[in-house]
Amino acid sequence: MRTLLVFLSVIYINLASVNAQHKTIKIDDNLQLIHLQDSVFVHVSWHTSEQFGRFSSNGLLIIRNGEAVMVDTPMTNEQTKQLCDYLKTQFNTSIKALIAGHFHDDCIGGLAYLKSIGAKSLAHQLTIEKCKEEKLPVPDIAFDKEYDCLFNNEEIECRYFGGGHSFDNITVWLPKQKILFGGCLIKSIHSKGLGNLSDAVVDDWDTTVEQLMFAYPDAKIVIPGHGNYGDAELLSHTIVLVKEFKQKQ
């Protein structure tokens, strides 16, 4: 197993104030944290667009020993800085690495800020190629099909199962907690459609999620890119939505 974060130090962090499972911490009206278990949080940020109105985006935080890995950033550098500042002042925690789910703003919108504070970043090689093409901030480390890393003895598994919401979307699995971050590849249980299809690979989407179901049959918590998290039902729900969309084409 490769070690991504060999530079991490060992500093004790006390999270007693947020040890209640699924407790929500409101940072402001557009940013909050949801405590899942151990020191794993969903970060939720809200934005408004002409096409979708006000909507929320999800990311993940894995906190260990005063340091954290972020999975996907909020959509802007400003909100990403706000989140990092909160973690520093309230938890005495610094972001040391980012795992980018794909190349859209709801994954790398705050990458420039994270680079400015010295955080390392990991993404699929297709994401890195697209970022270079679009002249976006570019993640540091590329992988192809899979990348396993240890973060202060916490196992994190990054996988590319194929196209779906985007051609480059990846997933992140925490085997100890059985938490699956599906990102925008996975739809929330209340979703009635597939959302933004500008870079989608609809023909492969349902097959990609089926592979995900096979890989993680014991997933207890599944986190979509937008909307409420849930259990493995989100995977089958996503497959149904994709198949319904295909039938209408």
C-alpha atoms as a PDB file:
ATOM      1  CA  MET A   1       0.000   0.000   0.000  1.00  0.00           C
ATOM      2  CA  ARG A   2       1.360   3.388  -0.972  1.00  0.00           C
ATOM      3  CA  THR A   3       1.446   6.215   1.533  1.00  0.00           C
ATOM      4  CA  LEU A   4       0.224   9.530   0.142  1.00  0.00           C
ATOM      5  CA  LEU A   5       0.639  11.614   3.244  1.00  0.00           C
ATOM      6  CA  VAL A   6       4.082  10.684   4.532  1.00  0.00           C
ATOM      7  CA  PHE A   7       4.608  14.222   5.749  1.00  0.00           C
ATOM      8  CA  LEU A   8       1.848  14.061   8.371  1.00  0.00           C
ATOM      9  CA  SER A   9       2.729  14.640  12.007  1.00  0.00           C
ATOM     10  CA  VAL A  10       1.095  13.193  15.098  1.00  0.00           C
ATOM     11  CA  ILE A  11      -0.872  15.745  17.081  1.00  0.00           C
ATOM     12  CA  TYR A  12      -3.750  14.795  19.343  1.00  0.00           C
ATOM     13  CA  ILE A  13      -7.133  16.358  18.547  1.00  0.00           C
ATOM     14  CA  ASN A  14     -10.054  16.496  20.923  1.00  0.00           C
ATOM     15  CA  LEU A  15     -13.393  16.247  19.161  1.00  0.00           C
ATOM     16  CA  ALA A  16     -15.457  15.786  22.320  1.00  0.00           C
ATOM     17  CA  SER A  17     -17.633  18.781  21.468  1.00  0.00           C
ATOM     18  CA  VAL A  18     -18.828  17.076  18.293  1.00  0.00           C
ATOM     19  CA  ASN A  19     -18.893  13.441  19.327  1.00  0.00           C
ATOM     20  CA  ALA A  20     -22.646  13.047  18.936  1.00  0.00           C
ATOM     21  CA  GLN A  21     -23.284  11.013  15.795  1.00  0.00           C
ATOM     22  CA  HIS A  22     -24.780  13.001  12.919  1.00  0.00           C
ATOM     23  CA  LYS A  23     -24.667  16.267  14.814  1.00  0.00           C
ATOM     24  CA  THR A  24     -24.931  19.279  12.509  1.00  0.00           C
ATOM     25  CA  ILE A  25     -22.601  22.225  13.044  1.00  0.00           C
ATOM     26  CA  LYS A  26     -23.800  25.402  11.349  1.00  0.00           C
ATOM     27  CA  ILE A  27     -20.905  27.631  10.332  1.00  0.00           C
ATOM     28  CA  ASP A  28     -23.196  30.100   8.576  1.00  0.00           C
ATOM     29  CA  ASP A  29     -26.281  30.008   6.321  1.00  0.00           C
ATOM     30  CA  ASN A  30     -24.246  28.602   3.431  1.00  0.00           C
ATOM     31  CA  LEU A  31     -21.819  26.255   5.143  1.00  0.00           C
ATOM     32  CA  GLN A  32     -22.172  23.445   7.653  1.00  0.00           C
ATOM     33  CA  LEU A  33     -20.574  20.244   8.927  1.00  0.00           C
ATOM     34  CA  ILE A  34     -22.373  16.978   9.673  1.00  0.00           C
ATOM     35  CA  HIS A  35     -20.601  14.576  12.008  1.00  0.00           C
ATOM     36  CA  LEU A  36     -20.986  11.006  10.763  1.00  0.00           C
ATOM     37  CA  GLN A  37     -18.773   8.933  13.073  1.00  0.00           C
ATOM     38  CA  ASP A  38     -15.291   8.925  14.576  1.00  0.00           C
ATOM     39  CA  SER A  39     -13.720  12.044  13.074  1.00  0.00           C
ATOM     40  CA  VAL A  40     -15.476  11.873   9.704  1.00  0.00           C
ATOM     41  CA  PHE A  41     -17.662  14.764   8.591  1.00  0.00           C
ATOM     42  CA  VAL A  42     -19.702  15.745   5.575  1.00  0.00           C
ATOM     43  CA  HIS A  43     -19.139  19.374   4.637  1.00  0.00           C
ATOM     44  CA  VAL A  44     -22.180  20.952   2.985  1.00  0.00           C
ATOM     45  CA  SER A  45     -22.133  24.253   1.121  1.00  0.00           C
ATOM     46  CA  TRP A  46     -24.921  26.146  -0.632  1.00  0.00           C
ATOM     47  CA  HIS A  47     -24.827  28.129  -3.841  1.00  0.00           C
ATOM     48  CA  THR A  48     -27.286  29.745  -6.219  1.00  0.00           C
ATOM     49  CA  SER A  49     -27.265  29.440 -10.005  1.00  0.00           C
ATOM     50  CA  GLU A  50     -29.629  30.612 -12.730  1.00  0.00           C
ATOM     51  CA  GLN A  51     -30.163  27.049 -13.936  1.00  0.00           C
ATOM     52  CA  PHE A  52     -30.679  25.201 -10.645  1.00  0.00           C
ATOM     53  CA  GLY A  53     -31.539  27.964  -8.156  1.00  0.00           C
ATOM     54  CA  ARG A  54     -30.249  27.419  -4.619  1.00  0.00           C
ATOM     55  CA  PHE A  55     -28.589  24.027  -4.202  1.00  0.00           C
ATOM     56  CA  SER A  56     -26.245  22.264  -1.828  1.00  0.00           C
ATOM     57  CA  SER A  57     -23.016  20.380  -2.531  1.00  0.00           C
ATOM     58  CA  ASN A  58     -21.408  17.705  -0.376  1.00  0.00           C
ATOM     59  CA  GLY A  59     -17.803  16.932   0.430  1.00  0.00           C
ATOM     60  CA  LEU A  60     -16.054  14.817   3.037  1.00  0.00           C
ATOM     61  CA  LEU A  61     -13.530  15.499   5.799  1.00  0.00           C
ATOM     62  CA  ILE A  62     -11.404  12.811   7.440  1.00  0.00           C
ATOM     63  CA  ILE A  63      -9.742  14.270  10.532  1.00  0.00           C
ATOM     64  CA  ARG A  64      -6.911  12.517  12.321  1.00  0.00           C
ATOM     65  CA  ASN A  65      -4.390  13.910  14.830  1.00  0.00           C
ATOM     66  CA  GLY A  66      -4.939  17.578  14.063  1.00  0.00           C
ATOM     67  CA  GLU A  67      -4.773  17.115  10.293  1.00  0.00           C
ATOM     68  CA  ALA A  68      -7.437  16.458   7.669  1.00  0.00           C
ATOM     69  CA  VAL A  69      -8.022  15.114   4.197  1.00  0.00           C
ATOM     70  CA  MET A  70     -10.767  16.898   2.274  1.00  0.00           C
ATOM     71  CA  VAL A  71     -12.734  15.090  -0.416  1.00  0.00           C
ATOM     72  CA  ASP A  72     -14.019  17.756  -2.830  1.00  0.00           C
ATOM     73  CA  THR A  73     -13.964  21.447  -1.971  1.00  0.00           C
ATOM     74  CA  PRO A  74     -16.817  23.930  -1.757  1.00  0.00           C
ATOM     75  CA  MET A  75     -17.386  25.664  -5.094  1.00  0.00           C
ATOM     76  CA  THR A  76     -15.251  28.733  -4.369  1.00  0.00           C
ATOM     77  CA  ASN A  77     -11.889  29.577  -2.882  1.00  0.00           C
ATOM     78  CA  GLU A  78     -13.656  31.925  -0.450  1.00  0.00           C
ATOM     79  CA  GLN A  79     -15.872  29.203   1.028  1.00  0.00           C
ATOM     80  CA  THR A  80     -12.968  26.770   1.094  1.00  0.00           C
ATOM     81  CA  LYS A  81     -10.908  29.277   3.081  1.00  0.00           C
ATOM     82  CA  GLN A  82     -13.854  29.831   5.425  1.00  0.00           C
ATOM     83  CA  LEU A  83     -14.112  26.094   6.058  1.00  0.00           C
ATOM     84  CA  CYS A  84     -10.369  25.755   6.618  1.00  0.00           C
ATOM     85  CA  ASP A  85     -10.365  28.725   9.012  1.00  0.00           C
ATOM     86  CA  TYR A  86     -13.207  27.164  11.006  1.00  0.00           C
ATOM     87  CA  LEU A  87     -11.400  23.836  11.293  1.00  0.00           C
ATOM     88  CA  LYS A  88      -8.265  25.645  12.469  1.00  0.00           C
ATOM     89  CA  THR A  89      -9.947  27.803  15.104  1.00  0.00           C
ATOM     90  CA  GLN A  90     -12.466  25.257  16.410  1.00  0.00           C
ATOM     91  CA  PHE A  91     -10.631  21.921  16.005  1.00  0.00           C
ATOM     92  CA  ASN A  92      -7.005  23.061  15.731  1.00  0.00           C
ATOM     93  CA  THR A  93      -6.961  21.117  12.461  1.00  0.00           C
ATOM     94  CA  SER A  94      -5.246  21.885   9.148  1.00  0.00           C
ATOM     95  CA  ILE A  95      -6.100  20.526   5.695  1.00  0.00           C
ATOM     96  CA  LYS A  96      -3.132  18.525   4.425  1.00  0.00           C
ATOM     97  CA  ALA A  97      -4.567  16.940   1.276  1.00  0.00           C
ATOM     98  CA  LEU A  98      -7.459  17.078  -1.172  1.00  0.00           C
ATOM     99  CA  ILE A  99      -8.995  14.197  -3.107  1.00  0.00           C
ATOM    100  CA  ALA A 100     -10.824  15.660  -6.115  1.00  0.00           C
ATOM    101  CA  GLY A 101     -13.866  13.723  -7.329  1.00  0.00           C
ATOM    102  CA  HIS A 102     -13.856  15.210 -10.846  1.00  0.00           C
ATOM    103  CA  PHE A 103     -13.013  18.475 -12.598  1.00  0.00           C
ATOM    104  CA  HIS A 104     -16.186  20.510 -11.893  1.00  0.00           C
ATOM    105  CA  ASP A 105     -16.292  23.483  -9.510  1.00  0.00           C
ATOM    106  CA  ASP A 106     -18.121  21.496  -6.829  1.00  0.00           C
ATOM    107  CA  CYS A 107     -14.979  19.369  -6.521  1.00  0.00           C
ATOM    108  CA  ILE A 108     -12.039  21.683  -7.226  1.00  0.00           C
ATOM    109  CA  GLY A 109     -13.507  25.187  -6.860  1.00  0.00           C
ATOM    110  CA  GLY A 110     -11.282  25.741  -3.833  1.00  0.00           C
ATOM    111  CA  LEU A 111      -8.188  23.969  -5.114  1.00  0.00           C
ATOM    112  CA  ALA A 112      -6.272  27.192  -5.740  1.00  0.00           C
ATOM    113  CA  TYR A 113      -6.689  28.174  -2.089  1.00  0.00           C
ATOM    114  CA  LEU A 114      -5.638  24.741  -0.842  1.00  0.00           C
ATOM    115  CA  LYS A 115      -2.532  24.934  -3.004  1.00  0.00           C
ATOM    116  CA  SER A 116      -1.741  28.336  -1.493  1.00  0.00           C
ATOM    117  CA  ILE A 117      -1.621  26.805   2.001  1.00  0.00           C
ATOM    118  CA  GLY A 118       0.546  23.892   0.905  1.00  0.00           C
ATOM    119  CA  ALA A 119      -2.069  21.112   0.767  1.00  0.00           C
ATOM    120  CA  LYS A 120      -1.325  18.257  -1.630  1.00  0.00           C
ATOM    121  CA  SER A 121      -3.999  17.046  -4.061  1.00  0.00           C
ATOM    122  CA  LEU A 122      -4.935  13.787  -5.759  1.00  0.00           C
ATOM    123  CA  ALA A 123      -7.196  13.167  -8.765  1.00  0.00           C
ATOM    124  CA  HIS A 124      -7.772  10.779 -11.624  1.00  0.00           C
ATOM    125  CA  GLN A 125      -5.441  11.292 -14.568  1.00  0.00           C
ATOM    126  CA  LEU A 126      -8.427  12.277 -16.748  1.00  0.00           C
ATOM    127  CA  THR A 127      -9.241  15.038 -14.261  1.00  0.00           C
ATOM    128  CA  ILE A 128      -5.694  16.334 -14.397  1.00  0.00           C
ATOM    129  CA  GLU A 129      -5.672  16.283 -18.204  1.00  0.00           C
ATOM    130  CA  LYS A 130      -8.977  18.181 -18.303  1.00  0.00           C
ATOM    131  CA  CYS A 131      -7.786  20.756 -15.776  1.00  0.00           C
ATOM    132  CA  LYS A 132      -4.732  21.424 -17.919  1.00  0.00           C
ATOM    133  CA  GLU A 133      -6.902  21.700 -21.030  1.00  0.00           C
ATOM    134  CA  GLU A 134      -9.322  24.130 -19.356  1.00  0.00           C
ATOM    135  CA  LYS A 135      -6.497  26.062 -17.662  1.00  0.00           C
ATOM    136  CA  LEU A 136      -7.877  25.249 -14.212  1.00  0.00           C
ATOM    137  CA  PRO A 137      -5.798  24.659 -11.086  1.00  0.00           C
ATOM    138  CA  VAL A 138      -4.202  21.240 -11.529  1.00  0.00           C
ATOM    139  CA  PRO A 139      -4.075  18.540  -8.814  1.00  0.00           C
ATOM    140  CA  ASP A 140      -0.600  17.303  -7.911  1.00  0.00           C
ATOM    141  CA  ILE A 141      -0.876  13.509  -8.049  1.00  0.00           C
ATOM    142  CA  ALA A 142      -2.572  11.400 -10.737  1.00  0.00           C
ATOM    143  CA  PHE A 143      -3.846   7.823 -10.622  1.00  0.00           C
ATOM    144  CA  ASP A 144      -5.511   5.513 -13.129  1.00  0.00           C
ATOM    145  CA  LYS A 145      -7.824   2.821 -11.722  1.00  0.00           C
ATOM    146  CA  GLU A 146      -7.091   2.793  -8.003  1.00  0.00           C
ATOM    147  CA  TYR A 147      -5.097   4.553  -5.310  1.00  0.00           C
ATOM    148  CA  ASP A 148      -4.914   3.372  -1.691  1.00  0.00           C
ATOM    149  CA  CYS A 149      -3.355   5.566   0.937  1.00  0.00           C
ATOM    150  CA  LEU A 150      -2.799   5.734   4.672  1.00  0.00           C
ATOM    151  CA  PHE A 151      -3.636   8.939   6.460  1.00  0.00           C
ATOM    152  CA  ASN A 152      -2.435   8.731  10.058  1.00  0.00           C
ATOM    153  CA  ASN A 153      -3.273   4.993   9.980  1.00  0.00           C
ATOM    154  CA  GLU A 154      -6.680   5.634   8.393  1.00  0.00           C
ATOM    155  CA  GLU A 155      -7.204   3.647   5.174  1.00  0.00           C
ATOM    156  CA  ILE A 156      -8.641   5.598   2.251  1.00  0.00           C
ATOM    157  CA  GLU A 157      -9.425   3.894  -1.059  1.00  0.00           C
ATOM    158  CA  CYS A 158      -9.853   5.920  -4.259  1.00  0.00           C
ATOM    159  CA  ARG A 159     -11.332   4.141  -7.285  1.00  0.00           C
ATOM    160  CA  TYR A 160     -12.271   4.856 -10.870  1.00  0.00           C
ATOM    161  CA  PHE A 161     -15.101   2.571 -12.002  1.00  0.00           C
ATOM    162  CA  GLY A 162     -15.934   4.380 -15.234  1.00  0.00           C
ATOM    163  CA  GLY A 163     -17.892   7.303 -16.588  1.00  0.00           C
ATOM    164  CA  GLY A 164     -21.196   8.537 -15.243  1.00  0.00           C
ATOM    165  CA  HIS A 165     -21.961  12.078 -14.143  1.00  0.00           C
ATOM    166  CA  SER A 166     -18.641  12.913 -15.791  1.00  0.00           C
ATOM    167  CA  PHE A 167     -16.028  10.953 -17.692  1.00  0.00           C
ATOM    168  CA  ASP A 168     -13.560  11.327 -14.811  1.00  0.00           C
ATOM    169  CA  ASN A 169     -15.670  10.807 -11.668  1.00  0.00           C
ATOM    170  CA  ILE A 170     -14.082   8.749  -8.887  1.00  0.00           C
ATOM    171  CA  THR A 171     -15.292   7.363  -5.552  1.00  0.00           C
ATOM    172  CA  VAL A 172     -13.738   7.322  -2.077  1.00  0.00           C
ATOM    173  CA  TRP A 173     -14.218   4.449   0.376  1.00  0.00           C
ATOM    174  CA  LEU A 174     -13.433   4.385   4.092  1.00  0.00           C
ATOM    175  CA  PRO A 175     -13.293   0.654   4.920  1.00  0.00           C
ATOM    176  CA  LYS A 176     -13.178   1.072   8.698  1.00  0.00           C
ATOM    177  CA  GLN A 177     -16.385   3.124   8.838  1.00  0.00           C
ATOM    178  CA  LYS A 178     -17.923   1.557   5.680  1.00  0.00           C
ATOM    179  CA  ILE A 179     -18.573   5.051   4.339  1.00  0.00           C
ATOM    180  CA  LEU A 180     -18.776   5.466   0.568  1.00  0.00           C
ATOM    181  CA  PHE A 181     -18.410   8.911  -0.961  1.00  0.00           C
ATOM    182  CA  GLY A 182     -19.980   8.554  -4.382  1.00  0.00           C
ATOM    183  CA  GLY A 183     -19.953  12.232  -5.245  1.00  0.00           C
ATOM    184  CA  CYS A 184     -21.942  13.316  -8.279  1.00  0.00           C
ATOM    185  CA  LEU A 185     -21.871   9.788  -9.680  1.00  0.00           C
ATOM    186  CA  ILE A 186     -24.594   9.033  -7.114  1.00  0.00           C
ATOM    187  CA  LYS A 187     -27.962  10.767  -6.813  1.00  0.00           C
ATOM    188  CA  SER A 188     -29.791  11.451  -3.541  1.00  0.00           C
ATOM    189  CA  ILE A 189     -32.904   9.437  -2.794  1.00  0.00           C
ATOM    190  CA  HIS A 190     -35.097  12.492  -3.474  1.00  0.00           C
ATOM    191  CA  SER A 191     -33.564  13.151  -6.892  1.00  0.00           C
ATOM    192  CA  LYS A 192     -36.055  12.841  -9.756  1.00  0.00           C
ATOM    193  CA  GLY A 193     -33.514  13.250 -12.532  1.00  0.00           C
ATOM    194  CA  LEU A 194     -29.816  13.114 -13.367  1.00  0.00           C
ATOM    195  CA  GLY A 195     -29.050  16.826 -13.024  1.00  0.00           C
ATOM    196  CA  ASN A 196     -26.197  18.413 -14.957  1.00  0.00           C
ATOM    197  CA  LEU A 197     -25.411  16.256 -17.999  1.00  0.00           C
ATOM    198  CA  SER A 198     -22.939  18.589 -19.704  1.00  0.00           C
ATOM    199  CA  ASP A 199     -20.052  16.131 -19.269  1.00  0.00           C
ATOM    200  CA  ALA A 200     -22.029  12.964 -18.539  1.00  0.00           C
ATOM    201  CA  VAL A 201     -21.391   9.507 -19.960  1.00  0.00           C
ATOM    202  CA  VAL A 202     -24.982   8.334 -19.690  1.00  0.00           C
ATOM    203  CA  ASP A 203     -24.431   5.158 -21.714  1.00  0.00           C
ATOM    204  CA  ASP A 204     -21.999   3.878 -19.065  1.00  0.00           C
ATOM    205  CA  TRP A 205     -23.495   5.439 -15.949  1.00  0.00           C
ATOM    206  CA  ASP A 206     -25.702   2.565 -14.738  1.00  0.00           C
ATOM    207  CA  THR A 207     -22.992  -0.037 -15.427  1.00  0.00           C
ATOM    208  CA  THR A 208     -20.480   2.063 -13.493  1.00  0.00           C
ATOM    209  CA  VAL A 209     -22.773   2.206 -10.453  1.00  0.00           C
ATOM    210  CA  GLU A 210     -23.435  -1.525 -10.703  1.00  0.00           C
ATOM    211  CA  GLN A 211     -19.690  -2.094 -10.418  1.00  0.00           C
ATOM    212  CA  LEU A 212     -19.673   0.175  -7.391  1.00  0.00           C
ATOM    213  CA  MET A 213     -22.442  -1.887  -5.763  1.00  0.00           C
ATOM    214  CA  PHE A 214     -20.472  -5.074  -6.386  1.00  0.00           C
ATOM    215  CA  ALA A 215     -17.285  -3.567  -4.951  1.00  0.00           C
ATOM    216  CA  TYR A 216     -18.879  -2.276  -1.732  1.00  0.00           C
ATOM    217  CA  PRO A 217     -21.854  -4.506  -0.809  1.00  0.00           C
ATOM    218  CA  ASP A 218     -21.425  -3.645   2.878  1.00  0.00           C
ATOM    219  CA  ALA A 219     -21.594   0.149   2.508  1.00  0.00           C
ATOM    220  CA  LYS A 220     -23.493   1.602   5.475  1.00  0.00           C
ATOM    221  CA  ILE A 221     -23.422   5.290   4.566  1.00  0.00           C
ATOM    222  CA  VAL A 222     -23.465   6.545   0.968  1.00  0.00           C
ATOM    223  CA  ILE A 223     -22.864  10.229   0.264  1.00  0.00           C
ATOM    224  CA  PRO A 224     -24.007  11.761  -3.040  1.00  0.00           C
ATOM    225  CA  GLY A 225     -22.574  14.931  -4.532  1.00  0.00           C
ATOM    226  CA  HIS A 226     -25.767  16.843  -3.784  1.00  0.00           C
ATOM    227  CA  GLY A 227     -28.652  16.302  -1.381  1.00  0.00           C
ATOM    228  CA  ASN A 228     -29.060  14.083   1.663  1.00  0.00           C
ATOM    229  CA  TYR A 229     -26.799  11.129   2.280  1.00  0.00           C
ATOM    230  CA  GLY A 230     -28.291   7.695   2.952  1.00  0.00           C
ATOM    231  CA  ASP A 231     -27.504   4.003   2.611  1.00  0.00           C
ATOM    232  CA  ALA A 232     -26.909   1.642  -0.306  1.00  0.00           C
ATOM    233  CA  GLU A 233     -30.406   2.358  -1.595  1.00  0.00           C
ATOM    234  CA  LEU A 234     -28.938   5.491  -3.225  1.00  0.00           C
ATOM    235  CA  LEU A 235     -26.961   3.247  -5.570  1.00  0.00           C
ATOM    236  CA  SER A 236     -29.973   1.317  -6.834  1.00  0.00           C
ATOM    237  CA  HIS A 237     -31.966   4.557  -7.034  1.00  0.00           C
ATOM    238  CA  THR A 238     -29.281   6.074  -9.257  1.00  0.00           C
ATOM    239  CA  ILE A 239     -29.372   3.045 -11.546  1.00  0.00           C
ATOM    240  CA  VAL A 240     -33.151   3.354 -11.879  1.00  0.00           C
ATOM    241  CA  LEU A 241     -32.874   7.042 -12.783  1.00  0.00           C
ATOM    242  CA  VAL A 242     -30.267   6.328 -15.456  1.00  0.00           C
ATOM    243  CA  LYS A 243     -32.267   3.494 -16.994  1.00  0.00           C
ATOM    244  CA  GLU A 244     -35.422   5.641 -17.024  1.00  0.00           C
ATOM    245  CA  PHE A 245     -33.498   8.427 -18.746  1.00  0.00           C
ATOM    246  CA  LYS A 246     -32.170   6.037 -21.381  1.00  0.00           C
ATOM    247  CA  GLN A 247     -35.623   4.675 -22.109  1.00  0.00           C
ATOM    248  CA  LYS A 248     -36.862   8.151 -22.907  1.00  0.00           C
ATOM    249  CA  GLN A 249     -34.112   8.820 -25.428  1.00  0.00           C
END
